[in-house]
Amino acid sequence: MSKTESFIALQEELQHYANVMGKAADVIRDQDVSKYPVFVAHQQEVAIGLPLIEKEKNGGNWNIHASTLEEFAAKNLIFDEKINDFINTYKDPDAFVCVFVLSELGANFVFLPR
């Protein structure tokens, strides 16, 4: 499988979680926690965000944590000089969820339709 095919398969698999992430994103925004929710999809342990979905409990392949741009900046995962670039790239949160995917393909931001 090519890297592109792997990435497409990964996006399709994560799409199953889009509804739950969308609802969590609405809560994050509605409660003024952040204008920029970010979800972390991972298969190993990570020290960012709050657990939202645990793969062991739902029978899936992914753990999903809820985080924010502010936490990514505080942990230097997004450098201060790149925050405006991130904000300009961030898609409409009513239509997409922002997911930071940690996989065998590396670490990438993807925007999944809600």
N, C-alpha and C. Protein backbone atom coordinates (compact mmCIF):
# COMPACT_ATOMS: atom_id res chain seq x y z
N MET A 1 0.85 -1.18 0.00
CA MET A 1 0.00 0.00 0.00
C MET A 1 0.90 1.24 0.00
N SER A 2 0.60 2.18 -0.87
CA SER A 2 1.39 3.41 -0.95
C SER A 2 1.09 4.31 0.25
N LYS A 3 1.93 5.30 0.44
CA LYS A 3 1.72 6.24 1.54
C LYS A 3 0.39 6.98 1.36
N THR A 4 0.06 7.35 0.13
CA THR A 4 -1.20 8.04 -0.15
C THR A 4 -2.39 7.14 0.15
N GLU A 5 -2.31 5.86 -0.26
CA GLU A 5 -3.40 4.92 0.02
C GLU A 5 -3.55 4.70 1.53
N SER A 6 -2.43 4.62 2.24
CA SER A 6 -2.47 4.46 3.69
C SER A 6 -3.12 5.66 4.35
N PHE A 7 -2.80 6.86 3.87
CA PHE A 7 -3.36 8.08 4.43
C PHE A 7 -4.87 8.13 4.20
N ILE A 8 -5.32 7.75 3.01
CA ILE A 8 -6.76 7.75 2.70
C ILE A 8 -7.48 6.74 3.58
N ALA A 9 -6.90 5.54 3.75
CA ALA A 9 -7.51 4.53 4.61
C ALA A 9 -7.59 5.03 6.05
N LEU A 10 -6.55 5.73 6.49
CA LEU A 10 -6.53 6.30 7.84
C LEU A 10 -7.65 7.31 8.01
N GLN A 11 -7.81 8.20 7.05
CA GLN A 11 -8.87 9.20 7.12
C GLN A 11 -10.25 8.54 7.16
N GLU A 12 -10.43 7.50 6.36
CA GLU A 12 -11.72 6.80 6.35
C GLU A 12 -12.00 6.16 7.71
N GLU A 13 -10.97 5.58 8.32
CA GLU A 13 -11.14 4.97 9.63
C GLU A 13 -11.48 6.00 10.69
N LEU A 14 -10.81 7.15 10.65
CA LEU A 14 -11.07 8.20 11.64
C LEU A 14 -12.43 8.86 11.44
N GLN A 15 -12.96 8.79 10.23
CA GLN A 15 -14.27 9.40 9.95
C GLN A 15 -15.35 8.81 10.87
N HIS A 16 -15.17 7.57 11.32
CA HIS A 16 -16.15 6.93 12.21
C HIS A 16 -16.27 7.68 13.53
N TYR A 17 -15.26 8.44 13.90
CA TYR A 17 -15.25 9.16 15.17
C TYR A 17 -15.68 10.63 15.02
N ALA A 18 -15.94 11.06 13.79
CA ALA A 18 -16.19 12.48 13.52
C ALA A 18 -17.39 13.02 14.29
N ASN A 19 -18.45 12.23 14.44
CA ASN A 19 -19.65 12.71 15.13
C ASN A 19 -19.35 13.01 16.60
N VAL A 20 -18.66 12.09 17.27
CA VAL A 20 -18.31 12.29 18.68
C VAL A 20 -17.37 13.48 18.82
N MET A 21 -16.38 13.57 17.93
CA MET A 21 -15.45 14.70 17.99
C MET A 21 -16.17 16.01 17.72
N GLY A 22 -17.12 16.00 16.79
CA GLY A 22 -17.88 17.21 16.49
C GLY A 22 -18.67 17.71 17.70
N LYS A 23 -19.30 16.78 18.41
CA LYS A 23 -20.06 17.17 19.61
C LYS A 23 -19.13 17.72 20.69
N ALA A 24 -17.97 17.08 20.85
CA ALA A 24 -17.00 17.57 21.85
C ALA A 24 -16.47 18.94 21.43
N ALA A 25 -16.23 19.14 20.14
CA ALA A 25 -15.75 20.44 19.65
C ALA A 25 -16.77 21.53 19.94
N ASP A 26 -18.05 21.21 19.77
CA ASP A 26 -19.10 22.19 20.06
C ASP A 26 -19.07 22.59 21.54
N VAL A 27 -18.89 21.62 22.43
CA VAL A 27 -18.82 21.91 23.86
C VAL A 27 -17.61 22.79 24.16
N ILE A 28 -16.47 22.45 23.59
CA ILE A 28 -15.24 23.24 23.81
C ILE A 28 -15.45 24.68 23.37
N ARG A 29 -16.09 24.86 22.22
CA ARG A 29 -16.32 26.22 21.71
C ARG A 29 -17.43 26.92 22.48
N ASP A 30 -18.54 26.21 22.75
CA ASP A 30 -19.69 26.82 23.43
C ASP A 30 -19.35 27.27 24.85
N GLN A 31 -18.44 26.56 25.50
CA GLN A 31 -18.07 26.90 26.87
C GLN A 31 -16.85 27.82 26.90
N ASP A 32 -16.50 28.37 25.75
CA ASP A 32 -15.38 29.32 25.62
C ASP A 32 -14.05 28.77 26.15
N VAL A 33 -13.87 27.46 26.02
CA VAL A 33 -12.58 26.87 26.37
C VAL A 33 -11.56 27.27 25.29
N SER A 34 -11.97 27.18 24.03
CA SER A 34 -11.11 27.55 22.90
C SER A 34 -11.95 27.70 21.65
N LYS A 35 -11.50 28.55 20.75
CA LYS A 35 -12.11 28.66 19.43
C LYS A 35 -11.53 27.60 18.49
N TYR A 36 -10.46 26.92 18.96
CA TYR A 36 -9.72 26.00 18.09
C TYR A 36 -9.53 24.63 18.76
N PRO A 37 -10.61 23.82 18.81
CA PRO A 37 -10.44 22.47 19.33
C PRO A 37 -9.55 21.64 18.40
N VAL A 38 -8.74 20.80 18.98
CA VAL A 38 -7.88 19.88 18.23
C VAL A 38 -8.02 18.51 18.89
N PHE A 39 -8.24 17.50 18.10
CA PHE A 39 -8.34 16.15 18.62
C PHE A 39 -7.07 15.39 18.26
N VAL A 40 -6.59 14.60 19.19
CA VAL A 40 -5.37 13.84 18.99
C VAL A 40 -5.77 12.37 18.82
N ALA A 41 -5.50 11.83 17.65
CA ALA A 41 -5.76 10.41 17.37
C ALA A 41 -4.44 9.67 17.48
N HIS A 42 -4.42 8.65 18.33
CA HIS A 42 -3.16 7.95 18.57
C HIS A 42 -3.42 6.51 18.95
N GLN A 43 -2.39 5.69 18.84
CA GLN A 43 -2.50 4.29 19.21
C GLN A 43 -1.60 3.94 20.39
N GLN A 44 -0.79 4.87 20.81
CA GLN A 44 0.08 4.68 21.97
C GLN A 44 -0.27 5.74 23.01
N GLU A 45 0.43 5.76 24.11
CA GLU A 45 0.15 6.75 25.15
C GLU A 45 0.70 8.12 24.75
N VAL A 46 -0.09 9.15 25.01
CA VAL A 46 0.35 10.53 24.79
C VAL A 46 -0.03 11.36 26.01
N ALA A 47 0.71 12.43 26.20
CA ALA A 47 0.47 13.31 27.35
C ALA A 47 -0.09 14.65 26.88
N ILE A 48 -1.17 14.58 26.12
CA ILE A 48 -1.83 15.81 25.68
C ILE A 48 -3.33 15.55 25.59
N GLY A 49 -4.09 16.54 26.00
CA GLY A 49 -5.53 16.46 25.91
C GLY A 49 -6.15 15.57 26.97
N LEU A 50 -7.47 15.50 26.90
CA LEU A 50 -8.26 14.68 27.81
C LEU A 50 -8.85 13.52 27.02
N PRO A 51 -8.81 12.31 27.58
CA PRO A 51 -9.36 11.15 26.86
C PRO A 51 -10.83 11.36 26.50
N LEU A 52 -11.15 11.07 25.25
CA LEU A 52 -12.52 11.16 24.76
C LEU A 52 -13.00 9.77 24.34
N ILE A 53 -12.16 9.04 23.61
CA ILE A 53 -12.48 7.69 23.15
C ILE A 53 -11.27 6.81 23.43
N GLU A 54 -11.52 5.66 24.05
CA GLU A 54 -10.44 4.72 24.33
C GLU A 54 -10.65 3.48 23.46
N LYS A 55 -9.62 3.13 22.70
CA LYS A 55 -9.75 2.02 21.75
C LYS A 55 -10.10 0.70 22.44
N GLU A 56 -9.60 0.47 23.65
CA GLU A 56 -9.89 -0.77 24.35
C GLU A 56 -11.37 -0.89 24.71
N LYS A 57 -12.01 0.24 24.98
CA LYS A 57 -13.42 0.23 25.40
C LYS A 57 -14.39 0.20 24.23
N ASN A 58 -13.97 0.72 23.06
CA ASN A 58 -14.91 0.77 21.93
C ASN A 58 -14.57 -0.21 20.82
N GLY A 59 -13.52 -0.99 21.00
CA GLY A 59 -13.17 -1.99 20.01
C GLY A 59 -12.56 -1.44 18.74
N GLY A 60 -12.17 -0.17 18.76
CA GLY A 60 -11.56 0.43 17.58
C GLY A 60 -10.04 0.35 17.63
N ASN A 61 -9.41 1.05 16.70
CA ASN A 61 -7.95 1.06 16.61
C ASN A 61 -7.33 2.34 17.15
N TRP A 62 -8.19 3.31 17.54
CA TRP A 62 -7.67 4.62 17.87
C TRP A 62 -8.15 5.10 19.23
N ASN A 63 -7.25 5.75 19.95
CA ASN A 63 -7.60 6.56 21.11
C ASN A 63 -7.77 7.98 20.59
N ILE A 64 -8.73 8.68 21.12
CA ILE A 64 -8.94 10.08 20.74
C ILE A 64 -8.93 10.92 22.01
N HIS A 65 -8.09 11.95 22.02
CA HIS A 65 -8.05 12.90 23.12
C HIS A 65 -8.52 14.26 22.60
N ALA A 66 -9.20 15.00 23.45
CA ALA A 66 -9.65 16.35 23.12
C ALA A 66 -8.62 17.34 23.65
N SER A 67 -8.20 18.26 22.79
CA SER A 67 -7.22 19.26 23.16
C SER A 67 -7.60 20.58 22.50
N THR A 68 -6.69 21.54 22.56
CA THR A 68 -6.92 22.85 21.97
C THR A 68 -5.63 23.41 21.39
N LEU A 69 -5.76 24.39 20.55
CA LEU A 69 -4.59 25.11 20.03
C LEU A 69 -3.75 25.64 21.18
N GLU A 70 -4.42 26.15 22.21
CA GLU A 70 -3.70 26.74 23.34
C GLU A 70 -2.82 25.70 24.05
N GLU A 71 -3.32 24.47 24.20
CA GLU A 71 -2.51 23.43 24.82
C GLU A 71 -1.35 23.04 23.92
N PHE A 72 -1.59 22.95 22.61
CA PHE A 72 -0.51 22.65 21.67
C PHE A 72 0.58 23.71 21.75
N ALA A 73 0.18 24.97 21.86
CA ALA A 73 1.16 26.06 21.97
C ALA A 73 1.90 25.98 23.31
N ALA A 74 1.18 25.73 24.39
CA ALA A 74 1.80 25.66 25.72
C ALA A 74 2.82 24.53 25.79
N LYS A 75 2.57 23.44 25.06
CA LYS A 75 3.48 22.29 25.07
C LYS A 75 4.50 22.36 23.92
N ASN A 76 4.54 23.51 23.25
CA ASN A 76 5.48 23.75 22.14
C ASN A 76 5.34 22.74 21.00
N LEU A 77 4.13 22.24 20.79
CA LEU A 77 3.86 21.40 19.63
C LEU A 77 3.56 22.27 18.41
N ILE A 78 3.10 23.48 18.69
CA ILE A 78 2.98 24.53 17.67
C ILE A 78 3.74 25.72 18.24
N PHE A 79 4.76 26.14 17.52
CA PHE A 79 5.58 27.25 17.99
C PHE A 79 4.82 28.57 17.86
N ASP A 80 5.14 29.50 18.74
CA ASP A 80 4.46 30.80 18.77
C ASP A 80 4.40 31.46 17.40
N GLU A 81 5.51 31.38 16.65
CA GLU A 81 5.56 32.05 15.35
C GLU A 81 4.70 31.34 14.29
N LYS A 82 4.19 30.15 14.62
CA LYS A 82 3.35 29.39 13.67
C LYS A 82 1.86 29.42 14.04
N ILE A 83 1.53 30.06 15.15
CA ILE A 83 0.12 30.07 15.59
C ILE A 83 -0.78 30.74 14.56
N ASN A 84 -0.37 31.88 14.01
CA ASN A 84 -1.21 32.55 13.01
C ASN A 84 -1.36 31.70 11.76
N ASP A 85 -0.31 30.98 11.35
CA ASP A 85 -0.42 30.07 10.20
C ASP A 85 -1.45 28.98 10.50
N PHE A 86 -1.41 28.45 11.72
CA PHE A 86 -2.37 27.42 12.10
C PHE A 86 -3.79 27.98 12.05
N ILE A 87 -4.01 29.15 12.63
CA ILE A 87 -5.34 29.76 12.65
C ILE A 87 -5.84 30.00 11.22
N ASN A 88 -4.95 30.46 10.34
CA ASN A 88 -5.35 30.72 8.95
C ASN A 88 -5.66 29.43 8.20
N THR A 89 -5.08 28.31 8.62
CA THR A 89 -5.30 27.02 7.97
C THR A 89 -6.51 26.31 8.55
N TYR A 90 -6.86 26.64 9.78
CA TYR A 90 -7.95 25.97 10.50
C TYR A 90 -9.26 26.13 9.73
N LYS A 91 -9.91 25.01 9.44
CA LYS A 91 -11.14 25.06 8.65
C LYS A 91 -12.35 25.33 9.54
N ASP A 92 -13.45 25.72 8.92
CA ASP A 92 -14.70 26.04 9.60
C ASP A 92 -15.07 24.93 10.59
N PRO A 93 -15.06 25.22 11.91
CA PRO A 93 -15.33 24.18 12.90
C PRO A 93 -16.77 23.69 12.90
N ASP A 94 -17.66 24.37 12.21
CA ASP A 94 -19.02 23.87 12.07
C ASP A 94 -19.11 22.80 10.99
N ALA A 95 -18.10 22.74 10.13
CA ALA A 95 -18.11 21.78 9.02
C ALA A 95 -17.03 20.71 9.14
N PHE A 96 -15.98 20.98 9.92
CA PHE A 96 -14.84 20.06 10.02
C PHE A 96 -14.38 19.93 11.47
N VAL A 97 -13.73 18.81 11.77
CA VAL A 97 -13.00 18.66 13.03
C VAL A 97 -11.52 18.57 12.69
N CYS A 98 -10.71 19.20 13.51
CA CYS A 98 -9.26 19.21 13.34
C CYS A 98 -8.70 18.05 14.16
N VAL A 99 -7.95 17.17 13.48
CA VAL A 99 -7.38 16.00 14.14
C VAL A 99 -5.88 15.98 13.92
N PHE A 100 -5.14 15.85 15.00
CA PHE A 100 -3.69 15.66 14.95
C PHE A 100 -3.48 14.15 15.06
N VAL A 101 -3.03 13.55 13.97
CA VAL A 101 -2.92 12.10 13.89
C VAL A 101 -1.47 11.68 14.09
N LEU A 102 -1.27 10.81 15.07
CA LEU A 102 0.04 10.21 15.31
C LEU A 102 -0.06 8.76 14.85
N SER A 103 0.64 8.43 13.75
CA SER A 103 0.55 7.08 13.20
C SER A 103 1.91 6.67 12.65
N GLU A 104 1.93 5.48 12.05
CA GLU A 104 3.16 5.02 11.42
C GLU A 104 3.56 5.91 10.25
N LEU A 105 2.64 6.75 9.78
CA LEU A 105 2.94 7.69 8.70
C LEU A 105 3.55 8.99 9.22
N GLY A 106 3.63 9.12 10.53
CA GLY A 106 4.16 10.33 11.14
C GLY A 106 3.08 11.08 11.88
N ALA A 107 3.29 12.37 12.05
CA ALA A 107 2.33 13.24 12.74
C ALA A 107 1.80 14.26 11.74
N ASN A 108 0.48 14.30 11.58
CA ASN A 108 -0.13 15.21 10.62
C ASN A 108 -1.44 15.77 11.15
N PHE A 109 -1.72 17.01 10.77
CA PHE A 109 -3.05 17.57 11.01
C PHE A 109 -3.93 17.21 9.83
N VAL A 110 -5.14 16.75 10.12
CA VAL A 110 -6.13 16.51 9.07
C VAL A 110 -7.43 17.15 9.52
N PHE A 111 -8.23 17.53 8.54
CA PHE A 111 -9.55 18.09 8.83
C PHE A 111 -10.58 17.14 8.26
N LEU A 112 -11.39 16.55 9.15
CA LEU A 112 -12.41 15.59 8.74
C LEU A 112 -13.77 16.28 8.67
N PRO A 113 -14.53 16.00 7.60
CA PRO A 113 -15.89 16.54 7.55
C PRO A 113 -16.70 16.02 8.72
N ARG A 114 -17.56 16.86 9.26
CA ARG A 114 -18.40 16.45 10.41
C ARG A 114 -19.58 15.64 9.96
